[in-house]
Amino acid sequence: LLVALLTGIVMSYFFKRTVTSQSAQTSFGLARRLYQEQQYDEARDLLSEILDSGRKFPGIYLHLGNIEFRQGQWEAAETAYRTELKRDPNAVVAELNLALVLLQQQRKQEALSLYAGITNRYARPDPATARRAATAIRLLAEHPLPRLYADAPVEEKE
């Protein structure tokens, strides 16, 4: 128990120190790496510390939403994706993931509406994204059971 407590104190100090002593960009990269290593709690803590410090990067709420999605925290994921979309209305990955969260919450009509909007908006500038949304609409029509949908968020292209 003492070892676990001391480990937690050291980790807490490390993450707090990371945001203040390294560039925020490096801290954001560390959070992304923690996510890739499935250390979701640590990644979430680091992203929260970055946000608490007043620093914001493009996609930071998308990454926070992906962490919440992976942990089944649907309301928190929805909030994060919606925040990303307020900051960047063209964040299509956040919009696709928001639709997945809505499906997990049994809000099929809202998800269909998002997919339809994506299909229409991206038909010319990004046909692959438009096809992805159109395919989701077709699959939702063919398989009305809500648990047939993705168990992982769409990842951003690097």
Protein backbone atom coordinates (compact mmCIF):
# COMPACT_ATOMS: atom_id res chain seq x y z
CA LEU A 1 0.00 0.00 0.00
CA LEU A 2 2.84 2.39 0.88
CA VAL A 3 4.58 1.63 -2.43
CA ALA A 4 1.37 2.32 -4.37
CA LEU A 5 0.88 5.59 -2.50
CA LEU A 6 4.45 6.71 -3.13
CA THR A 7 4.20 5.72 -6.79
CA GLY A 8 1.06 7.82 -7.12
CA ILE A 9 2.77 10.82 -5.51
CA VAL A 10 5.80 10.51 -7.79
CA MET A 11 3.61 10.14 -10.90
CA SER A 12 1.49 13.13 -9.87
CA TYR A 13 4.63 15.23 -9.37
CA PHE A 14 6.03 14.07 -12.72
CA PHE A 15 2.90 15.01 -14.66
CA LYS A 16 2.55 18.40 -12.94
CA ARG A 17 6.22 19.11 -13.53
CA THR A 18 5.91 18.00 -17.19
CA VAL A 19 3.42 20.75 -18.01
CA THR A 20 5.38 23.47 -16.26
CA SER A 21 8.96 22.52 -17.17
CA GLN A 22 8.55 21.28 -20.73
CA SER A 23 6.88 22.96 -23.61
CA ALA A 24 3.16 22.39 -23.75
CA GLN A 25 3.61 20.83 -27.18
CA THR A 26 5.91 18.18 -25.73
CA SER A 27 3.37 17.49 -22.99
CA PHE A 28 0.66 17.11 -25.61
CA GLY A 29 2.88 14.64 -27.47
CA LEU A 30 3.42 12.71 -24.25
CA ALA A 31 -0.34 12.54 -23.70
CA ARG A 32 -0.79 11.17 -27.22
CA ARG A 33 1.88 8.56 -26.57
CA LEU A 34 0.24 7.54 -23.30
CA TYR A 35 -3.02 7.12 -25.22
CA GLN A 36 -1.32 4.91 -27.80
CA GLU A 37 0.06 2.81 -24.95
CA GLN A 38 -3.49 2.51 -23.55
CA GLN A 39 -2.58 4.44 -20.41
CA TYR A 40 -5.84 6.34 -20.63
CA ASP A 41 -6.04 7.69 -17.09
CA GLU A 42 -2.54 9.13 -17.31
CA ALA A 43 -3.20 10.61 -20.75
CA ARG A 44 -6.46 12.16 -19.53
CA ASP A 45 -4.72 13.63 -16.48
CA LEU A 46 -2.01 15.18 -18.61
CA LEU A 47 -4.48 16.64 -21.13
CA SER A 48 -6.52 18.06 -18.25
CA GLU A 49 -3.42 19.67 -16.78
CA ILE A 50 -2.57 21.20 -20.16
CA LEU A 51 -6.10 22.59 -20.44
CA ASP A 52 -6.04 23.81 -16.82
CA SER A 53 -2.84 25.70 -17.60
CA GLY A 54 -4.73 27.63 -20.29
CA ARG A 55 -2.96 25.99 -23.21
CA LYS A 56 -5.02 24.57 -26.03
CA PHE A 57 -3.94 22.80 -29.18
CA PRO A 58 -5.89 21.82 -32.26
CA GLY A 59 -7.35 18.39 -31.61
CA ILE A 60 -6.83 18.40 -27.84
CA TYR A 61 -10.55 17.88 -27.18
CA LEU A 62 -10.66 15.20 -29.90
CA HIS A 63 -7.97 13.29 -28.02
CA LEU A 64 -9.75 13.81 -24.72
CA GLY A 65 -12.96 12.51 -26.34
CA ASN A 66 -11.14 9.45 -27.67
CA ILE A 67 -9.89 8.64 -24.18
CA GLU A 68 -13.40 8.96 -22.76
CA PHE A 69 -14.75 6.84 -25.63
CA ARG A 70 -12.24 4.07 -24.96
CA GLN A 71 -13.32 4.02 -21.32
CA GLY A 72 -17.05 4.00 -22.10
CA GLN A 73 -17.62 7.47 -20.64
CA TRP A 74 -20.18 8.44 -23.29
CA GLU A 75 -21.34 11.76 -21.82
CA ALA A 76 -17.77 12.96 -21.25
CA ALA A 77 -16.78 11.85 -24.77
CA GLU A 78 -19.79 13.66 -26.23
CA THR A 79 -18.86 16.85 -24.38
CA ALA A 80 -15.25 16.66 -25.56
CA TYR A 81 -16.20 16.06 -29.21
CA ARG A 82 -18.76 18.88 -29.14
CA THR A 83 -16.15 21.20 -27.64
CA GLU A 84 -13.71 20.27 -30.41
CA LEU A 85 -16.42 21.01 -33.00
CA LYS A 86 -17.11 24.42 -31.43
CA ARG A 87 -13.41 25.22 -31.71
CA ASP A 88 -13.12 23.78 -35.22
CA PRO A 89 -16.40 23.20 -37.10
CA ASN A 90 -14.45 21.32 -39.80
CA ALA A 91 -13.09 18.69 -37.40
CA VAL A 92 -14.71 15.81 -39.27
CA VAL A 93 -13.03 13.12 -37.15
CA ALA A 94 -14.60 14.65 -34.04
CA GLU A 95 -17.95 14.70 -35.84
CA LEU A 96 -17.64 11.05 -36.90
CA ASN A 97 -16.74 10.09 -33.34
CA LEU A 98 -19.60 12.15 -31.93
CA ALA A 99 -21.95 10.13 -34.13
CA LEU A 100 -20.48 6.90 -32.71
CA VAL A 101 -21.01 8.19 -29.16
CA LEU A 102 -24.61 9.08 -29.98
CA LEU A 103 -25.12 5.53 -31.22
CA GLN A 104 -23.68 4.15 -27.99
CA GLN A 105 -26.22 6.32 -26.17
CA GLN A 106 -29.05 4.89 -28.33
CA ARG A 107 -29.54 8.25 -30.10
CA LYS A 108 -29.71 6.83 -33.60
CA GLN A 109 -31.61 9.69 -35.25
CA GLU A 110 -29.09 12.27 -34.07
CA ALA A 111 -26.25 10.08 -35.34
CA LEU A 112 -27.97 9.65 -38.71
CA SER A 113 -28.37 13.40 -38.96
CA LEU A 114 -24.66 13.91 -38.36
CA TYR A 115 -23.74 11.25 -40.92
CA ALA A 116 -26.08 12.83 -43.49
CA GLY A 117 -24.49 16.23 -42.92
CA ILE A 118 -21.02 14.78 -43.32
CA THR A 119 -22.05 12.97 -46.51
CA ASN A 120 -23.40 16.19 -48.02
CA ARG A 121 -20.59 18.52 -46.91
CA TYR A 122 -17.71 16.23 -47.86
CA ALA A 123 -18.99 14.76 -51.13
CA ARG A 124 -16.61 16.90 -53.20
CA PRO A 125 -13.75 17.97 -50.90
CA ASP A 126 -13.25 14.56 -49.27
CA PRO A 127 -15.10 11.75 -51.05
CA ALA A 128 -13.59 9.05 -48.79
CA THR A 129 -15.05 10.70 -45.70
CA ALA A 130 -18.39 11.17 -47.45
CA ARG A 131 -18.41 7.46 -48.38
CA ARG A 132 -17.59 6.51 -44.78
CA ALA A 133 -20.60 8.50 -43.53
CA ALA A 134 -22.84 7.13 -46.30
CA THR A 135 -21.76 3.60 -45.42
CA ALA A 136 -22.64 4.25 -41.79
CA ILE A 137 -26.12 5.39 -42.84
CA ARG A 138 -26.58 2.25 -44.94
CA LEU A 139 -25.35 -0.04 -42.16
CA LEU A 140 -27.62 1.63 -39.63
CA ALA A 141 -30.56 1.01 -41.93
CA GLU A 142 -29.59 -2.66 -42.35
CA HIS A 143 -28.68 -3.36 -38.71
CA PRO A 144 -30.94 -1.54 -36.29
CA LEU A 145 -29.41 -3.12 -33.17
CA PRO A 146 -27.37 -0.43 -31.37
CA ARG A 147 -24.55 -2.66 -30.10
CA LEU A 148 -23.34 -3.61 -33.59
CA TYR A 149 -21.41 -0.36 -33.87
CA ALA A 150 -17.77 0.50 -33.36
CA ASP A 151 -16.10 -0.06 -30.05
CA ALA A 152 -13.24 2.32 -30.85
CA PRO A 153 -13.18 5.92 -32.03
CA VAL A 154 -11.93 7.00 -35.43
CA GLU A 155 -8.29 8.00 -35.09
CA GLU A 156 -6.84 11.13 -36.60
CA LYS A 157 -4.42 10.67 -39.49
CA GLU A 158 -0.88 11.59 -38.48
